[in-house]
Structures are given as C-alpha cells and as structure tokens.
Protein backbone atom coordinates (compact mmCIF):
# COMPACT_ATOMS: atom_id res chain seq x y z
CA MET A 1 -63.35 132.15 231.60
CA ALA A 2 -63.13 134.10 228.14
CA HIS A 3 -59.80 135.50 227.46
CA TYR A 4 -59.99 138.24 225.18
CA PHE A 5 -56.17 139.13 224.86
CA SER A 6 -54.02 136.27 224.72
CA TRP A 7 -52.90 136.84 221.13
CA PHE A 8 -51.12 140.23 222.57
CA ALA A 9 -48.89 138.70 225.15
CA ASP A 10 -45.55 137.69 224.68
CA LYS A 11 -42.51 137.44 226.56
CA HIS A 12 -42.18 140.74 227.54
CA ILE A 13 -45.97 141.67 227.85
CA ALA A 14 -47.57 140.15 230.38
CA ILE A 15 -51.54 139.74 230.35
CA TYR A 16 -53.80 139.09 232.67
CA GLU A 17 -57.81 138.83 232.72
CA MET A 18 -60.97 137.71 235.00
CA ALA A 19 -64.74 138.35 235.47
CA ILE A 20 -65.43 141.53 237.39
CA ALA A 21 -65.85 140.57 241.20
CA ASP A 22 -65.84 142.13 244.46
CA MET A 23 -61.86 142.48 245.01
CA SER A 24 -61.99 145.53 247.10
CA ALA A 25 -60.47 143.55 249.96
CA ASN A 26 -57.03 143.46 248.13
CA LEU A 27 -56.73 147.18 247.28
CA PHE A 28 -54.12 149.40 249.31
CA PRO A 29 -54.68 152.18 251.27
CA GLU A 30 -53.36 154.66 248.43
CA GLU A 31 -55.70 153.37 246.24
CA ARG A 32 -59.03 153.12 248.69
CA ALA A 33 -58.69 156.47 249.18
CA THR A 34 -59.61 157.54 245.61
CA LEU A 35 -62.75 155.63 246.23
CA THR A 36 -64.51 157.40 248.99
CA ARG A 37 -67.56 158.70 246.73
CA ALA A 38 -67.51 155.68 244.25
CA VAL A 39 -70.82 153.47 243.93
CA PRO A 40 -70.14 149.72 244.58
CA ARG A 41 -69.98 148.65 241.05
CA ARG A 42 -66.96 151.36 240.22
CA VAL A 43 -65.18 149.82 243.22
CA HIS A 44 -65.55 146.40 241.89
CA GLU A 45 -63.97 147.60 238.33
CA PHE A 46 -61.51 149.58 239.95
CA ALA A 47 -60.58 147.00 242.19
CA THR A 48 -60.67 144.08 239.83
CA GLY A 49 -58.54 146.25 237.35
CA ARG A 50 -55.91 146.45 239.82
CA GLU A 51 -56.20 142.59 240.66
CA CYS A 52 -55.55 142.04 236.84
CA ALA A 53 -52.65 144.71 236.78
CA ARG A 54 -50.58 143.18 239.74
CA GLN A 55 -51.50 139.72 238.57
CA ALA A 56 -49.38 140.83 235.25
CA MET A 57 -47.16 142.09 237.27
CA ALA A 58 -46.14 139.15 239.20
CA ARG A 59 -45.78 137.29 235.73
CA LEU A 60 -42.86 139.65 235.03
CA GLY A 61 -41.45 138.80 238.38
CA TYR A 62 -42.53 142.13 240.44
CA PRO A 63 -44.15 142.32 243.94
CA PRO A 64 -47.67 143.49 244.68
CA ALA A 65 -47.76 147.57 244.61
CA PRO A 66 -50.08 150.08 244.67
CA ILE A 67 -51.41 151.33 241.28
CA VAL A 68 -52.92 155.06 242.00
CA THR A 69 -55.06 157.41 239.66
CA GLY A 70 -53.64 160.40 238.78
CA ALA A 71 -54.95 163.96 238.56
CA ASP A 72 -55.85 162.91 235.03
CA ARG A 73 -57.33 160.20 236.40
CA ALA A 74 -54.67 157.81 234.81
CA PRO A 75 -53.27 154.83 236.52
CA CYS A 76 -49.80 155.65 237.81
CA TRP A 77 -47.56 152.80 236.97
CA PRO A 78 -44.45 151.40 239.52
CA HIS A 79 -41.26 152.56 238.16
CA GLY A 80 -39.78 150.62 235.60
CA LEU A 81 -42.98 149.50 234.02
CA VAL A 82 -46.27 150.68 231.89
CA GLY A 83 -49.48 149.36 231.46
CA SER A 84 -53.14 149.42 230.55
CA ILE A 85 -56.41 148.19 232.05
CA THR A 86 -59.96 147.93 230.69
CA HIS A 87 -63.42 146.32 231.56
CA ALA A 88 -66.29 146.18 229.76
CA VAL A 89 -69.35 143.27 229.68
CA GLU A 90 -68.55 141.96 233.20
CA HIS A 91 -64.48 141.39 232.21
CA CYS A 92 -61.45 143.13 233.02
CA ALA A 93 -57.98 142.41 231.64
CA ALA A 94 -54.66 144.28 232.28
CA ALA A 95 -51.45 144.35 230.10
CA VAL A 96 -47.90 145.42 231.78
CA ALA A 97 -44.48 145.69 230.27
CA ARG A 98 -41.04 146.78 231.62
CA THR A 99 -39.21 149.95 230.31
CA GLY A 100 -36.24 148.30 230.18
CA ASP A 101 -37.37 146.07 227.66
CA GLY A 102 -38.37 149.26 225.45
CA TYR A 103 -41.88 149.47 226.22
CA HIS A 104 -42.70 153.31 226.36
CA SER A 105 -46.71 152.85 226.52
CA LEU A 106 -49.46 150.17 226.44
CA GLY A 107 -52.97 150.35 225.45
CA LEU A 108 -55.96 147.98 225.86
CA ASP A 109 -59.91 148.58 225.08
CA LEU A 110 -62.42 146.04 225.53
CA GLU A 111 -65.96 147.08 224.52
CA PRO A 112 -69.50 144.89 223.78
CA ALA A 113 -70.18 144.38 220.11
CA LEU A 114 -72.99 145.99 220.10
CA ALA A 115 -74.51 148.83 217.68
CA LEU A 116 -72.93 152.41 218.01
CA PRO A 117 -75.70 154.46 219.23
CA PRO A 118 -76.37 156.37 215.61
CA ASP A 119 -76.21 160.12 217.28
CA LEU A 120 -72.88 158.99 217.70
CA LEU A 121 -71.53 158.05 214.33
CA GLU A 122 -70.61 161.62 212.95
CA THR A 123 -68.94 162.39 216.32
CA ILE A 124 -66.38 159.43 216.42
CA CYS A 125 -66.25 158.98 212.64
CA LEU A 126 -64.62 161.00 209.78
CA SER A 127 -65.97 160.97 206.54
CA ALA A 128 -63.54 158.58 204.76
CA GLU A 129 -64.09 155.98 208.25
CA ARG A 130 -67.79 156.71 207.14
CA THR A 131 -67.64 155.88 203.62
CA TRP A 132 -65.38 152.80 204.32
CA LEU A 133 -68.27 151.57 206.46
CA GLU A 134 -70.77 152.38 204.00
CA ALA A 135 -68.74 149.85 201.48
CA GLN A 136 -69.11 146.94 204.28
CA PRO A 137 -71.77 144.25 204.18
CA ARG A 138 -74.66 145.78 206.07
CA SER A 139 -74.77 142.81 208.16
CA ASP A 140 -71.12 144.09 209.85
CA ARG A 141 -71.45 147.93 209.92
CA GLU A 142 -72.68 148.53 213.26
CA VAL A 143 -70.28 146.36 214.73
CA PHE A 144 -67.67 147.89 212.53
CA ALA A 145 -68.45 151.34 213.69
CA ARG A 146 -67.97 150.00 217.32
CA ALA A 147 -64.44 148.42 216.24
CA ILE A 148 -63.62 152.38 214.87
CA PHE A 149 -64.57 153.46 218.01
CA SER A 150 -62.63 150.88 220.36
CA ALA A 151 -59.81 151.23 218.14
CA LYS A 152 -59.35 155.00 218.62
CA GLU A 153 -59.99 154.41 222.34
CA CYS A 154 -56.74 152.28 222.31
CA ALA A 155 -55.05 154.62 220.52
CA TYR A 156 -55.70 157.69 222.87
CA LYS A 157 -54.96 155.27 225.62
CA VAL A 158 -51.61 154.08 224.24
CA GLN A 159 -50.54 157.57 222.89
CA TYR A 160 -51.43 159.81 226.41
CA PRO A 161 -48.52 158.87 228.70
CA LEU A 162 -46.48 160.43 225.93
CA SER A 163 -47.99 163.28 224.75
CA ARG A 164 -50.09 163.85 228.00
CA GLN A 165 -52.64 165.54 225.57
CA VAL A 166 -56.42 164.18 225.27
CA LEU A 167 -57.72 164.08 221.73
CA GLU A 168 -60.86 164.42 219.93
CA PHE A 169 -61.97 161.69 217.81
CA TYR A 170 -61.27 163.77 214.71
CA ASP A 171 -57.36 163.93 216.02
CA LEU A 172 -57.11 160.39 214.67
CA ARG A 173 -57.86 159.08 211.44
CA LEU A 174 -58.34 155.13 211.28
CA GLU A 175 -57.59 152.32 208.53
CA LEU A 176 -59.18 149.35 209.56
CA ASP A 177 -58.49 145.83 208.16
CA MET A 178 -60.68 143.24 209.99
CA GLN A 179 -59.22 140.14 207.84
CA GLN A 180 -55.80 140.73 209.31
CA GLY A 181 -57.03 141.73 212.70
CA GLN A 182 -55.17 145.22 212.39
CA PHE A 183 -55.88 148.91 212.78
CA VAL A 184 -53.82 152.12 212.11
CA ALA A 185 -54.47 155.23 213.65
CA VAL A 186 -52.79 158.17 211.98
CA PHE A 187 -52.56 161.38 213.63
CA ALA A 188 -54.47 164.14 211.86
CA ARG A 189 -52.29 166.90 213.60
CA ASP A 190 -49.16 167.41 215.80
CA CYS A 191 -49.36 166.10 218.96
CA PRO A 192 -45.68 166.10 220.26
CA PRO A 193 -44.01 163.61 220.63
CA PHE A 194 -45.92 162.58 217.76
CA ALA A 195 -46.53 164.73 214.34
CA SER A 196 -49.45 164.92 211.67
CA GLY A 197 -49.12 161.72 209.39
CA ASP A 198 -47.42 159.34 212.52
CA GLU A 199 -49.10 155.87 212.78
CA ILE A 200 -50.13 153.70 215.80
CA VAL A 201 -50.45 150.33 214.38
CA GLY A 202 -52.34 147.91 217.06
CA GLY A 203 -54.50 144.58 216.96
CA ILE A 204 -58.00 144.13 216.92
CA ARG A 205 -60.43 141.13 217.59
CA ILE A 206 -64.35 140.50 217.36
CA GLU A 207 -64.98 137.87 219.40
CA ARG A 208 -67.43 136.12 222.08
CA GLY A 209 -69.52 139.12 221.83
CA CYS A 210 -66.82 141.58 222.64
CA VAL A 211 -64.21 143.81 220.47
CA ALA A 212 -60.56 143.87 221.73
CA CYS A 213 -58.19 146.25 220.56
CA ALA A 214 -54.66 146.48 221.76
CA ALA A 215 -51.42 148.80 221.03
CA ALA A 216 -47.88 149.35 222.44
CA ILE A 217 -45.34 151.98 221.82
CA PHE A 218 -42.30 150.63 221.42
CA GLY A 219 -38.33 152.01 220.72
CA SER A 220 -38.58 154.70 218.32
CA ALA A 221 -41.79 152.95 216.83
CA THR A 222 -45.15 151.40 217.07
CA ARG A 223 -45.46 147.87 217.70
CA ALA A 224 -48.09 145.77 215.54
CA ALA A 225 -49.90 143.63 218.10
C-alpha cells in the first residue's frame, strides 16, 4: 500500500494511512449519528478516516475515542490532541499530535495529481501564482496548478482551528519550491491570530499519482514539514 505522508511523521506526529474501505462497523454511535443521510461512499470515507485517526492516536498511547463532527463540519479531537484527516484516490490518511508537545494544529491534504480544471485557475491562483506557473516547463504546469490548490487547502486546514475563519483562495499567497518539497503560504490579510504577512510553511510531495501536502503549527511559529 502506498504511503504518502511518511516524510511528515516524527516522534511527536503520528501518521496512519490505509485504503478506503467499509469501516463503518468501527464507528462510535456519536459518529454514526452524523451520517444518517450519507451515501455509502461518504460513509466509507468518513469511517476510514476515523479508523486512521484512531490508529494514529494509538501510536501516541491514546485509547480509541469518538471523533465527532462539529457544526462547522470539522473533526472535534479528544482533549489534548490535534489532528487532520484527508482522503483522495481511494486512499485515506490521518495525522495526530499532542498539544502537550507544543502542537496547536495539523493540516493534511491529498489530491490526485491531475490537471486542475482551466475554469478554476483564476479562482484559485493569484496573478503572481499564474505568472509562476507560466514560467514552469509546459509538461509540469497542469500538475503544479493542482499543487497550488492542494497547498492552499492544507494551509486553510492548519489555520482554521486557530482562526475559525473560512478563507478564500486569494486570502493566501503561495510560494512553491518543488525541488525542496516545500511551500510557503503568506496571509494577504489579517486573520487573527494571524496577521497579514504571517507565513505557514509546509511540505509538498508529488508521487505515485498524488499530490500530498502537510503542515503543522507549533509553539509560536509554523513548523516546516
């Protein structure tokens, strides 16, 4: 089985990945209650994500516990933990860390390494990002556009537990360094506790048909993955 986020794990961040499957038997009643109208595909994605999260929690020494969905549809992590769940292309991954180790939030995003629909390019990419894309080899531009989308999604996920603000794509300016496997997302406006110009630094990989992005906010600064 492919593992897309092994590079992000360390002694403080636990990662677990698996293929999406029918893991609904492992759901807690509180979790199942949020899925009464969900189609089977959504149930499988949700249940696999929760199973990945509990397996990651176990690696940190935590017992199984429900991870319910809040009113904002974000996972509500057990006390003392932060985490993130993502799924794409029949694959699911979860990352978990302890707040006692200094972690404020984690963000994962997994996307298929496919061309971004052309009509979304201007919605997702700022002018400077489109200029950067035009300077890349023609063979890379389509998947790099998808990489910009994934990195912004990752940055949105990692900032949300702290700001509780849903950002637009133009609220972050992205800088990609594909050779170093790193992205920097710069806030284009104040988004307390983040100020305009603050940065989220994360890691990015394109391999085995997927774009994988991860970031963590640690202490008073961001952690480069």
